[in-house]
Amino acid sequence: MALRAYFATNTLQNRQGLGRISSIEIDSEGRQVELNFGADVKQFKDERESLRGEGWAPSKLIALSFTPFDKFPPIDDTLPKPGSRPQTSRAAIDPFYVYLGFKNDFRTSPRARLLRTIDQLAFAESTVQSDERVIDAFDAIGYSPVIELEYEFTPGWRSGRDQSDFDEQRLKELENMLEGHTRPDGKRRRRMTYYIDFRFGRRDASIPIDFEEIRRLTDARVLRLASVKLRTADDKEVELLELSSGELNLFSGFLGLAAFLEDGCLVLIDEPENSLHPDWQMRYTEMLEAVFSRHRGCHYIIATHSPLVVSGVAGPHAKILRLDQEPIELPSRALANASPDATLLNAFTVVTSGNNFLKQIVLETVTLIDTGKHRSARARELALAHASIYDKIPADDPIRDLVAGVVQTILQPS
């Protein structure tokens, strides 16, 4: 893909400047395979398809991003470029690489991105499997899997279109139906309502019309989407515009995943903490696990700077890596549900002034010294940890001198 081309055409060095990245080696269950970034498109694609055929590559690669400045390619460059020979039907309908992000259109807002996702789900053929995936996504965020869409005629629509595009009699019929439409609350509005209930695969309209016709009229700017209403799990109605940007990102991301997830997927997620409330950050992986719950063999990789996202890592199979001079694997169990102070220190080696977790472990170290256990393995472990972060403790933090003292007491020769 574009990642391969990027590495192949640029003299790049890794993060520490230790040489050009030319290939990726994968070691899995005793078997080693290699993807060569210097290969041409055909060779790279052949290598990829060979690994997939042997079960050593994901069934699908999904990139999920919340910023237009991510490093993910917006398209799979092993496929024909637009305007050249057409894609195979399989690649068009069931692509290997899916990009869910803003890069295709920098002007896309979180709201517009969510509306596009809802449109794709609503227009998709209804199947039990697709509905269950959407239900999981809604449940994870605390909403009922029911959407209410309201459409109205676009102001000035007659002057802005070719009169031959649609059946004039049908358009007049729709106008008359909308003119006399009365909402369930008794209010008369020139709008029609389309309901989507993913629990039962139902799609109902307040007037006789199907979603394919609505979509054609919307694409032609005859109709426009006027309102989108959701319902919380406790049946409170919420207008889409009332959602925060963080909630919009959660919805569009999880519903986008629901549309494309299958067994054996690999999902790459870049900085999901953007615009998220701290509570959402802490629960992000928990919610993500709920979206993945119906699928087997899936993996996800998250790049994050948020100690809250790291603290919320769920499950015994999670691995946490810190990219220092040498990549370090951190014990996920020790970080799961840890305090932000602890995660900042352990996962990011960031020492904030007055860090409560640092105070706790320094107190433990002092206690070991006071009880004559300063030569124990635990005391040495703590002292080495203190020594590794000493230079990062703010100079005006009183605990800095105490750390220096306990390190000297424990590590000095007998």
Protein backbone atom coordinates (compact mmCIF):
# COMPACT_ATOMS: atom_id res chain seq x y z
CA MET A 1 0.00 0.00 0.00
CA ALA A 2 1.01 3.65 0.26
CA LEU A 3 2.99 2.76 3.39
CA ARG A 4 5.19 0.50 1.27
CA ALA A 5 5.66 3.19 -1.38
CA TYR A 6 6.48 5.78 1.29
CA PHE A 7 9.28 3.70 2.76
CA ALA A 8 10.53 2.59 -0.65
CA THR A 9 10.90 6.10 -2.11
CA ASN A 10 12.27 8.00 0.88
CA THR A 11 15.63 7.66 2.60
CA LEU A 12 14.11 7.31 6.03
CA GLN A 13 15.59 6.48 9.37
CA ASN A 14 13.83 5.02 12.32
CA ARG A 15 12.97 7.17 15.33
CA GLN A 16 16.46 6.99 16.78
CA GLY A 17 18.19 7.55 13.42
CA LEU A 18 19.71 4.07 13.36
CA GLY A 19 19.21 3.36 9.68
CA ARG A 20 16.71 3.19 6.89
CA ILE A 21 13.57 1.08 7.36
CA SER A 22 13.46 -1.29 4.39
CA SER A 23 11.37 -4.19 5.63
CA ILE A 24 9.21 -5.47 8.45
CA GLU A 25 9.87 -8.88 9.95
CA ILE A 26 6.97 -10.69 11.61
CA ASP A 27 7.65 -13.45 14.12
CA SER A 28 4.52 -15.39 15.02
CA GLU A 29 4.35 -18.74 16.77
CA GLY A 30 7.84 -19.71 15.67
CA ARG A 31 7.40 -18.70 12.04
CA GLN A 32 9.18 -15.71 10.53
CA VAL A 33 7.95 -13.81 7.49
CA GLU A 34 9.14 -10.59 5.93
CA LEU A 35 7.48 -7.79 3.97
CA ASN A 36 9.94 -5.94 1.75
CA PHE A 37 9.23 -2.22 1.36
CA GLY A 38 11.64 -2.03 -1.55
CA ALA A 39 9.48 -4.34 -3.64
CA ASP A 40 7.39 -3.00 -6.50
CA VAL A 41 3.61 -2.92 -6.24
CA LYS A 42 3.04 -6.30 -7.88
CA GLN A 43 5.67 -8.09 -5.77
CA PHE A 44 4.40 -6.50 -2.56
CA LYS A 45 0.80 -7.41 -3.39
CA ASP A 46 1.82 -10.98 -4.26
CA GLU A 47 3.68 -11.30 -0.93
CA ARG A 48 0.67 -9.96 0.93
CA GLU A 49 -1.82 -12.24 -0.80
CA SER A 50 0.46 -15.23 -0.27
CA LEU A 51 0.60 -14.55 3.48
CA ARG A 52 -3.17 -14.10 3.59
CA GLY A 53 -3.71 -17.35 1.74
CA GLU A 54 -1.52 -19.21 4.24
CA GLY A 55 -3.31 -17.64 7.20
CA TRP A 56 -0.36 -15.47 8.26
CA ALA A 57 -1.93 -12.11 7.48
CA PRO A 58 -5.15 -10.44 8.62
CA SER A 59 -8.32 -10.94 6.62
CA LYS A 60 -8.74 -7.18 6.49
CA LEU A 61 -6.76 -4.11 7.58
CA ILE A 62 -8.77 -1.18 8.96
CA ALA A 63 -7.21 2.20 9.82
CA LEU A 64 -9.22 4.43 12.17
CA SER A 65 -8.16 8.02 12.75
CA PHE A 66 -9.63 11.16 14.31
CA THR A 67 -7.39 13.76 12.64
CA PRO A 68 -6.63 14.66 9.00
CA PHE A 69 -2.91 14.64 9.85
CA ASP A 70 -2.54 10.91 10.46
CA LYS A 71 0.06 8.78 8.65
CA PHE A 72 -2.42 6.28 7.22
CA PRO A 73 -2.80 6.06 3.44
CA PRO A 74 -6.34 7.01 2.36
CA ILE A 75 -6.38 4.30 -0.32
CA ASP A 76 -4.75 0.96 -1.10
CA ASP A 77 -2.20 1.79 -3.80
CA THR A 78 -2.00 -1.83 -4.95
CA LEU A 79 -5.42 -1.28 -6.54
CA PRO A 80 -5.94 0.47 -9.89
CA LYS A 81 -5.99 4.26 -9.72
CA PRO A 82 -9.26 6.08 -10.41
CA GLY A 83 -9.81 6.38 -14.15
CA SER A 84 -7.64 3.36 -15.02
CA ARG A 85 -8.83 -0.20 -15.42
CA PRO A 86 -11.72 -1.03 -13.07
CA GLN A 87 -11.25 -2.86 -9.80
CA THR A 88 -12.25 -6.47 -9.53
CA SER A 89 -15.70 -6.93 -8.07
CA ARG A 90 -14.22 -8.54 -4.94
CA ALA A 91 -11.84 -5.63 -4.28
CA ALA A 92 -14.63 -3.10 -4.76
CA ILE A 93 -17.18 -4.87 -2.57
CA ASP A 94 -14.88 -6.47 0.00
CA PRO A 95 -11.63 -4.44 0.13
CA PHE A 96 -8.58 -5.64 2.06
CA TYR A 97 -7.73 -2.11 3.27
CA VAL A 98 -10.31 0.27 4.72
CA TYR A 99 -9.51 3.84 5.80
CA LEU A 100 -11.90 5.46 8.30
CA GLY A 101 -10.67 9.00 8.71
CA PHE A 102 -10.76 12.62 7.61
CA LYS A 103 -7.93 12.58 5.07
CA ASN A 104 -10.19 12.07 2.05
CA ASP A 105 -11.87 15.39 2.82
CA PHE A 106 -10.21 17.90 5.17
CA ARG A 107 -13.52 19.80 5.41
CA THR A 108 -15.37 16.85 6.88
CA SER A 109 -16.62 17.53 10.40
CA PRO A 110 -17.26 14.80 12.99
CA ARG A 111 -20.99 15.36 12.42
CA ALA A 112 -20.71 14.98 8.63
CA ARG A 113 -18.54 11.90 9.07
CA LEU A 114 -21.15 10.30 11.34
CA LEU A 115 -23.96 11.13 8.91
CA ARG A 116 -21.99 9.49 6.12
CA THR A 117 -21.53 6.37 8.25
CA ILE A 118 -25.23 6.25 9.12
CA ASP A 119 -26.07 6.65 5.44
CA GLN A 120 -23.83 3.70 4.55
CA LEU A 121 -25.37 1.52 7.25
CA ALA A 122 -28.93 2.51 6.38
CA PHE A 123 -28.43 1.87 2.68
CA ALA A 124 -26.65 -1.43 3.22
CA GLU A 125 -28.56 -4.64 2.73
CA SER A 126 -30.06 -5.63 6.05
CA THR A 127 -28.65 -8.86 7.46
CA VAL A 128 -28.74 -10.35 10.94
CA GLN A 129 -24.95 -10.14 11.20
CA SER A 130 -24.67 -6.48 10.19
CA ASP A 131 -27.46 -5.49 12.58
CA GLU A 132 -25.81 -7.33 15.50
CA ARG A 133 -22.54 -5.52 14.89
CA VAL A 134 -24.30 -2.16 14.93
CA ILE A 135 -26.17 -3.12 18.11
CA ASP A 136 -22.83 -3.85 19.80
CA ALA A 137 -21.48 -0.44 18.75
CA PHE A 138 -24.52 1.41 20.11
CA ASP A 139 -24.55 -0.62 23.33
CA ALA A 140 -20.88 0.15 23.95
CA ILE A 141 -21.59 3.90 23.97
CA GLY A 142 -24.82 3.62 25.95
CA TYR A 143 -27.37 4.23 23.20
CA SER A 144 -30.29 2.27 21.80
CA PRO A 145 -29.69 0.99 18.22
CA VAL A 146 -32.52 3.09 16.75
CA ILE A 147 -32.08 6.12 14.48
CA GLU A 148 -34.72 8.61 13.36
CA LEU A 149 -33.86 10.61 10.22
CA GLU A 150 -35.94 13.59 9.10
CA TYR A 151 -35.82 14.84 5.50
CA GLU A 152 -37.27 17.96 3.89
CA PHE A 153 -37.22 19.53 0.43
CA THR A 154 -34.15 21.67 -0.14
CA PRO A 155 -35.10 25.36 -0.46
CA GLY A 156 -35.00 26.40 -4.12
CA TRP A 157 -34.64 22.78 -5.25
CA ARG A 158 -36.64 23.31 -8.45
CA SER A 159 -34.35 26.02 -9.79
CA GLY A 160 -31.20 24.06 -9.07
CA ARG A 161 -31.84 20.84 -10.97
CA ASP A 162 -32.52 19.45 -14.40
CA GLN A 163 -36.30 18.99 -14.61
CA SER A 164 -35.83 15.75 -16.52
CA ASP A 165 -33.88 14.06 -13.72
CA PHE A 166 -36.94 12.69 -11.92
CA ASP A 167 -40.57 11.87 -12.55
CA GLU A 168 -42.38 15.17 -12.07
CA GLN A 169 -45.58 13.45 -11.00
CA ARG A 170 -43.68 11.53 -8.30
CA LEU A 171 -42.08 14.73 -6.98
CA LYS A 172 -45.47 16.45 -6.81
CA GLU A 173 -46.85 13.43 -4.98
CA LEU A 174 -44.02 13.64 -2.43
CA GLU A 175 -44.64 17.37 -1.96
CA ASN A 176 -48.31 16.76 -1.25
CA MET A 177 -47.52 13.98 1.23
CA LEU A 178 -45.01 16.14 3.09
CA GLU A 179 -47.45 19.07 3.09
CA GLY A 180 -50.02 17.02 4.94
CA HIS A 181 -47.61 15.12 7.18
CA THR A 182 -48.37 15.29 10.89
CA ARG A 183 -45.78 14.18 13.41
CA PRO A 184 -46.67 11.79 16.26
CA ASP A 185 -46.57 14.78 18.64
CA GLY A 186 -49.38 16.44 16.64
CA LYS A 187 -47.21 19.11 15.01
CA ARG A 188 -47.53 19.66 11.27
CA ARG A 189 -44.16 19.82 9.54
CA ARG A 190 -43.13 19.55 5.91
CA ARG A 191 -40.81 16.73 6.73
CA MET A 192 -40.83 12.98 6.36
CA THR A 193 -39.32 10.63 8.89
CA TYR A 194 -37.30 7.49 8.22
CA TYR A 195 -36.78 5.06 11.11
CA ILE A 196 -33.99 2.50 11.31
CA ASP A 197 -34.17 -0.13 14.05
CA PHE A 198 -31.04 -2.29 13.92
CA ARG A 199 -32.39 -4.69 16.53
CA PHE A 200 -34.92 -6.13 14.11
CA GLY A 201 -33.49 -5.01 10.76
CA ARG A 202 -36.49 -2.74 10.26
CA ARG A 203 -36.61 0.37 8.08
CA ASP A 204 -39.89 2.31 8.16
CA ALA A 205 -40.91 5.65 6.65
CA SER A 206 -43.71 8.02 7.59
CA ILE A 207 -44.72 8.14 3.90
CA PRO A 208 -44.50 5.48 1.15
CA ILE A 209 -40.85 5.76 0.09
CA ASP A 210 -37.77 3.54 0.32
CA PHE A 211 -34.30 4.60 1.37
CA GLU A 212 -32.82 4.12 -2.10
CA GLU A 213 -35.20 6.77 -3.46
CA ILE A 214 -34.41 9.06 -0.52
CA ARG A 215 -30.72 8.68 -1.24
CA ARG A 216 -31.12 9.51 -4.95
CA LEU A 217 -33.15 12.60 -4.11
CA THR A 218 -30.61 13.64 -1.47
CA ASP A 219 -27.67 13.16 -3.84
CA ALA A 220 -29.51 15.37 -6.37
CA ARG A 221 -30.09 18.01 -3.64
CA VAL A 222 -33.84 17.71 -3.99
CA LEU A 223 -34.08 16.53 -0.39
CA ARG A 224 -31.82 17.35 2.52
CA LEU A 225 -31.30 15.74 5.91
CA ALA A 226 -32.87 18.09 8.45
CA SER A 227 -32.50 16.16 11.69
CA VAL A 228 -31.04 12.99 13.17
CA LYS A 229 -32.34 11.74 16.50
CA LEU A 230 -30.89 9.01 18.68
CA ARG A 231 -32.07 7.46 21.92
CA THR A 232 -30.03 6.72 25.01
CA ALA A 233 -30.27 3.33 26.68
CA ASP A 234 -32.79 4.81 29.14
CA ASP A 235 -34.95 6.03 26.20
CA LYS A 236 -34.05 9.73 26.31
CA GLU A 237 -34.21 11.36 22.87
CA VAL A 238 -31.02 13.12 21.77
CA GLU A 239 -30.55 15.28 18.68
CA LEU A 240 -27.31 14.62 16.81
CA LEU A 241 -26.33 18.29 17.05
CA GLU A 242 -26.45 18.03 20.84
CA LEU A 243 -23.67 15.43 20.94
CA SER A 244 -20.16 16.55 21.84
CA SER A 245 -17.39 16.21 19.27
CA GLY A 246 -16.02 13.33 21.35
CA GLU A 247 -19.32 11.44 21.22
CA LEU A 248 -19.56 12.10 17.48
CA ASN A 249 -16.08 10.65 17.03
CA LEU A 250 -16.99 7.59 19.10
CA PHE A 251 -20.16 6.99 17.12
CA SER A 252 -18.59 7.45 13.69
CA GLY A 253 -15.56 5.34 14.62
CA PHE A 254 -17.43 2.43 16.19
CA LEU A 255 -20.22 2.40 13.59
CA GLY A 256 -17.60 2.54 10.84
CA LEU A 257 -15.88 -0.46 12.39
CA ALA A 258 -19.22 -2.24 12.67
CA ALA A 259 -19.76 -1.83 8.93
CA PHE A 260 -16.45 -3.48 7.98
CA LEU A 261 -15.39 -5.80 10.81
CA GLU A 262 -15.06 -9.51 10.15
CA ASP A 263 -13.17 -12.40 11.75
CA GLY A 264 -9.39 -12.02 11.59
CA CYS A 265 -9.24 -8.23 11.16
CA LEU A 266 -6.34 -6.02 12.19
CA VAL A 267 -7.45 -2.53 13.26
CA LEU A 268 -4.97 0.36 13.62
CA ILE A 269 -6.22 3.28 15.73
CA ASP A 270 -4.40 6.61 15.93
CA GLU A 271 -4.83 8.77 19.06
CA PRO A 272 -8.47 7.98 19.90
CA GLU A 273 -8.28 10.33 22.89
CA ASN A 274 -8.78 13.41 20.67
CA SER A 275 -11.84 15.36 21.92
CA LEU A 276 -12.77 12.59 24.36
CA HIS A 277 -13.91 13.27 27.92
CA PRO A 278 -11.52 11.65 30.46
CA ASP A 279 -14.16 9.06 31.36
CA TRP A 280 -14.51 8.05 27.68
CA GLN A 281 -10.71 7.78 27.44
CA MET A 282 -10.57 5.46 30.46
CA ARG A 283 -13.35 3.27 29.01
CA TYR A 284 -12.21 3.37 25.39
CA THR A 285 -10.70 -0.12 25.18
CA GLU A 286 -13.61 -1.55 27.17
CA MET A 287 -16.05 -0.13 24.60
CA LEU A 288 -13.82 -1.26 21.75
CA GLU A 289 -13.82 -4.81 23.12
CA ALA A 290 -17.63 -4.72 23.08
CA VAL A 291 -17.63 -3.78 19.38
CA PHE A 292 -15.22 -6.66 18.68
CA SER A 293 -17.12 -9.16 20.82
CA ARG A 294 -18.83 -11.06 17.98
CA HIS A 295 -15.63 -11.59 16.00
CA ARG A 296 -12.78 -14.05 16.41
CA GLY A 297 -9.10 -13.61 15.74
CA CYS A 298 -9.22 -9.80 15.61
CA HIS A 299 -6.40 -7.59 16.89
CA TYR A 300 -6.18 -3.87 17.40
CA ILE A 301 -3.16 -1.60 17.82
CA ILE A 302 -3.62 1.81 19.43
CA ALA A 303 -1.09 4.65 19.26
CA THR A 304 -1.81 7.00 22.15
CA HIS A 305 -0.33 9.68 24.37
CA SER A 306 -3.14 9.37 26.90
CA PRO A 307 -2.37 7.73 30.25
CA LEU A 308 -6.13 7.27 30.67
CA VAL A 309 -6.41 5.16 27.52
CA VAL A 310 -3.43 3.09 28.67
CA SER A 311 -4.89 2.72 32.17
CA GLY A 312 -8.09 1.34 30.73
CA VAL A 313 -6.43 -1.50 28.84
CA ALA A 314 -8.71 -4.49 29.17
CA GLY A 315 -8.00 -8.22 29.18
CA PRO A 316 -5.00 -10.41 29.96
CA HIS A 317 -3.92 -10.60 26.32
CA ALA A 318 -3.11 -6.90 25.96
CA LYS A 319 0.48 -5.80 25.38
CA ILE A 320 1.75 -2.29 26.07
CA LEU A 321 4.88 -1.07 24.30
CA ARG A 322 6.83 2.10 24.96
CA LEU A 323 9.01 3.22 22.06
CA ASP A 324 12.24 4.41 23.66
CA GLN A 325 15.76 3.94 22.33
CA GLU A 326 14.86 0.28 22.51
CA PRO A 327 11.19 -0.74 22.48
CA ILE A 328 10.11 -1.81 25.97
CA GLU A 329 7.19 -4.11 26.69
CA LEU A 330 5.38 -3.05 29.83
CA PRO A 331 3.32 -5.39 32.04
CA SER A 332 -0.28 -4.69 31.03
CA ARG A 333 -1.70 -6.10 34.26
CA ALA A 334 0.29 -3.58 36.26
CA LEU A 335 -1.03 -0.72 34.14
CA ALA A 336 -4.63 -1.86 33.69
CA ASN A 337 -6.94 0.34 35.77
CA ALA A 338 -3.91 2.09 37.29
CA SER A 339 -4.14 5.73 38.32
CA PRO A 340 -3.17 8.37 35.72
CA ASP A 341 -0.13 9.29 37.85
CA ALA A 342 1.04 5.67 37.81
CA THR A 343 0.49 5.33 34.08
CA LEU A 344 2.28 8.59 33.32
CA LEU A 345 5.28 7.33 35.26
CA ASN A 346 5.34 3.69 34.14
CA ALA A 347 4.16 3.94 30.53
CA PHE A 348 5.42 7.39 29.51
CA THR A 349 8.22 8.03 32.06
CA VAL A 350 6.64 11.43 32.70
CA VAL A 351 7.01 12.72 36.26
CA THR A 352 4.48 15.40 37.15
CA SER A 353 5.04 17.70 40.10
CA GLY A 354 3.44 16.16 43.18
CA ASN A 355 2.94 12.79 41.48
CA ASN A 356 1.01 10.72 44.03
CA PHE A 357 2.17 7.38 42.68
CA LEU A 358 5.81 8.44 42.99
CA LYS A 359 5.15 9.49 46.58
CA GLN A 360 3.70 6.05 47.33
CA ILE A 361 6.65 4.08 45.99
CA VAL A 362 9.18 6.42 47.61
CA LEU A 363 7.35 5.92 50.91
CA GLU A 364 7.57 2.15 50.39
CA THR A 365 11.31 2.52 49.80
CA VAL A 366 11.80 4.62 52.94
CA THR A 367 9.87 2.02 54.94
CA LEU A 368 12.19 -0.73 53.69
CA ILE A 369 15.20 1.33 54.79
CA ASP A 370 13.71 2.06 58.23
CA THR A 371 12.95 -1.63 58.82
CA GLY A 372 16.45 -2.75 57.84
CA LYS A 373 15.38 -4.29 54.53
CA HIS A 374 17.37 -1.90 52.35
CA ARG A 375 19.45 -4.81 50.97
CA SER A 376 16.41 -6.78 49.82
CA ALA A 377 15.63 -7.46 46.17
CA ARG A 378 12.52 -5.26 46.38
CA ALA A 379 14.50 -2.33 47.78
CA ARG A 380 17.07 -2.62 44.98
CA GLU A 381 14.29 -2.85 42.36
CA LEU A 382 12.69 0.34 43.68
CA ALA A 383 16.02 2.17 43.96
CA LEU A 384 16.91 1.36 40.35
CA ALA A 385 13.48 2.59 39.26
CA HIS A 386 13.99 5.82 41.21
CA ALA A 387 17.43 6.31 39.70
CA SER A 388 16.07 5.91 36.15
CA ILE A 389 13.58 8.76 36.58
CA TYR A 390 15.56 11.08 38.89
CA ASP A 391 16.55 13.49 36.11
CA LYS A 392 12.90 13.85 35.08
CA ILE A 393 11.65 14.92 38.50
CA PRO A 394 10.98 18.70 38.47
CA ALA A 395 13.79 20.60 40.21
CA ASP A 396 11.34 22.38 42.51
CA ASP A 397 9.64 19.18 43.66
CA PRO A 398 10.65 18.45 47.30
CA ILE A 399 10.62 14.72 46.64
CA ARG A 400 13.63 15.05 44.33
CA ASP A 401 16.12 15.29 47.23
CA LEU A 402 14.42 12.40 49.04
CA VAL A 403 14.72 10.21 45.94
CA ALA A 404 18.43 11.02 45.70
CA GLY A 405 18.90 10.06 49.34
CA VAL A 406 17.13 6.68 49.18
CA VAL A 407 18.93 5.76 45.95
CA GLN A 408 22.30 6.51 47.52
CA THR A 409 21.43 4.59 50.71
CA ILE A 410 20.37 1.43 48.88
CA LEU A 411 22.77 1.34 45.93
CA GLN A 412 25.97 2.52 47.63
CA PRO A 413 28.52 -0.28 48.27
CA SER A 414 28.32 -1.98 51.68
